[in-house]
């Protein structure tokens, strides 16, 4: 395994969903779906605006 492999982010955004590329198990899986991503963005915006 190279240093670049160790530093590679195993997460990727695909179609608005966060996907984990699990090389150990050899599978890709959705860890945060598009609805959850939307909720997180909403909360971060509210926090930024001092609403919460």
C-alpha atoms as a PDB file:
ATOM      1  CA  UNK A   1       0.000   0.000   0.000  1.00  0.00           C
ATOM      2  CA  UNK A   2       1.408   3.392  -0.980  1.00  0.00           C
ATOM      3  CA  UNK A   3       1.226   6.631   0.995  1.00  0.00           C
ATOM      4  CA  UNK A   4      -1.218   7.942  -1.594  1.00  0.00           C
ATOM      5  CA  UNK A   5      -3.506   4.951  -0.939  1.00  0.00           C
ATOM      6  CA  UNK A   6      -3.374   5.588   2.820  1.00  0.00           C
ATOM      7  CA  UNK A   7      -4.272   9.269   2.332  1.00  0.00           C
ATOM      8  CA  UNK A   8      -7.060   8.569  -0.165  1.00  0.00           C
ATOM      9  CA  UNK A   9     -10.503   9.555   1.105  1.00  0.00           C
ATOM     10  CA  UNK A  10     -12.702   6.426   1.113  1.00  0.00           C
ATOM     11  CA  UNK A  11     -15.835   8.586   0.822  1.00  0.00           C
ATOM     12  CA  UNK A  12     -17.292   9.983  -2.389  1.00  0.00           C
ATOM     13  CA  UNK A  13     -20.422  11.986  -3.181  1.00  0.00           C
ATOM     14  CA  UNK A  14     -22.428  10.294  -5.918  1.00  0.00           C
ATOM     15  CA  UNK A  15     -25.885  11.572  -6.930  1.00  0.00           C
ATOM     16  CA  UNK A  16     -26.132  13.572  -3.694  1.00  0.00           C
ATOM     17  CA  UNK A  17     -25.372  10.567  -1.484  1.00  0.00           C
ATOM     18  CA  UNK A  18     -22.202   9.856   0.488  1.00  0.00           C
ATOM     19  CA  UNK A  19     -20.755   6.492  -0.539  1.00  0.00           C
ATOM     20  CA  UNK A  20     -18.075   4.597   1.385  1.00  0.00           C
ATOM     21  CA  UNK A  21     -15.685   2.595  -0.794  1.00  0.00           C
ATOM     22  CA  UNK A  22     -14.879  -0.256   1.591  1.00  0.00           C
ATOM     23  CA  UNK A  23     -11.806  -1.833   0.021  1.00  0.00           C
ATOM     24  CA  UNK A  24     -11.391  -4.269   2.924  1.00  0.00           C
ATOM     25  CA  UNK A  25     -14.771  -5.873   2.210  1.00  0.00           C
ATOM     26  CA  UNK A  26     -14.652  -5.035  -1.501  1.00  0.00           C
ATOM     27  CA  UNK A  27     -18.018  -3.261  -1.547  1.00  0.00           C
ATOM     28  CA  UNK A  28     -19.379   0.253  -1.905  1.00  0.00           C
ATOM     29  CA  UNK A  29     -22.228   1.285   0.351  1.00  0.00           C
ATOM     30  CA  UNK A  30     -24.307   4.391   0.905  1.00  0.00           C
ATOM     31  CA  UNK A  31     -23.596   5.768   4.371  1.00  0.00           C
ATOM     32  CA  UNK A  32     -25.542   9.029   4.118  1.00  0.00           C
ATOM     33  CA  UNK A  33     -28.450   9.219   1.677  1.00  0.00           C
ATOM     34  CA  UNK A  34     -29.556  12.363  -0.152  1.00  0.00           C
ATOM     35  CA  UNK A  35     -32.282  13.150   2.412  1.00  0.00           C
ATOM     36  CA  UNK A  36     -29.766  12.997   5.256  1.00  0.00           C
ATOM     37  CA  UNK A  37     -27.324  15.166   3.266  1.00  0.00           C
ATOM     38  CA  UNK A  38     -30.122  17.728   2.799  1.00  0.00           C
ATOM     39  CA  UNK A  39     -30.900  17.713   6.518  1.00  0.00           C
ATOM     40  CA  UNK A  40     -27.232  18.208   7.398  1.00  0.00           C
ATOM     41  CA  UNK A  41     -26.949  21.127   4.948  1.00  0.00           C
ATOM     42  CA  UNK A  42     -30.103  22.688   6.450  1.00  0.00           C
ATOM     43  CA  UNK A  43     -28.727  22.401   9.981  1.00  0.00           C
ATOM     44  CA  UNK A  44     -25.336  23.823   8.995  1.00  0.00           C
ATOM     45  CA  UNK A  45     -27.008  26.800   7.286  1.00  0.00           C
ATOM     46  CA  UNK A  46     -29.172  27.440  10.358  1.00  0.00           C
ATOM     47  CA  UNK A  47     -26.111  27.248  12.596  1.00  0.00           C
ATOM     48  CA  UNK A  48     -24.202  29.641  10.316  1.00  0.00           C
ATOM     49  CA  UNK A  49     -27.095  32.116  10.454  1.00  0.00           C
ATOM     50  CA  UNK A  50     -27.278  31.929  14.261  1.00  0.00           C
ATOM     51  CA  UNK A  51     -30.738  30.365  14.194  1.00  0.00           C
ATOM     52  CA  UNK A  52     -29.667  27.499  16.451  1.00  0.00           C
END
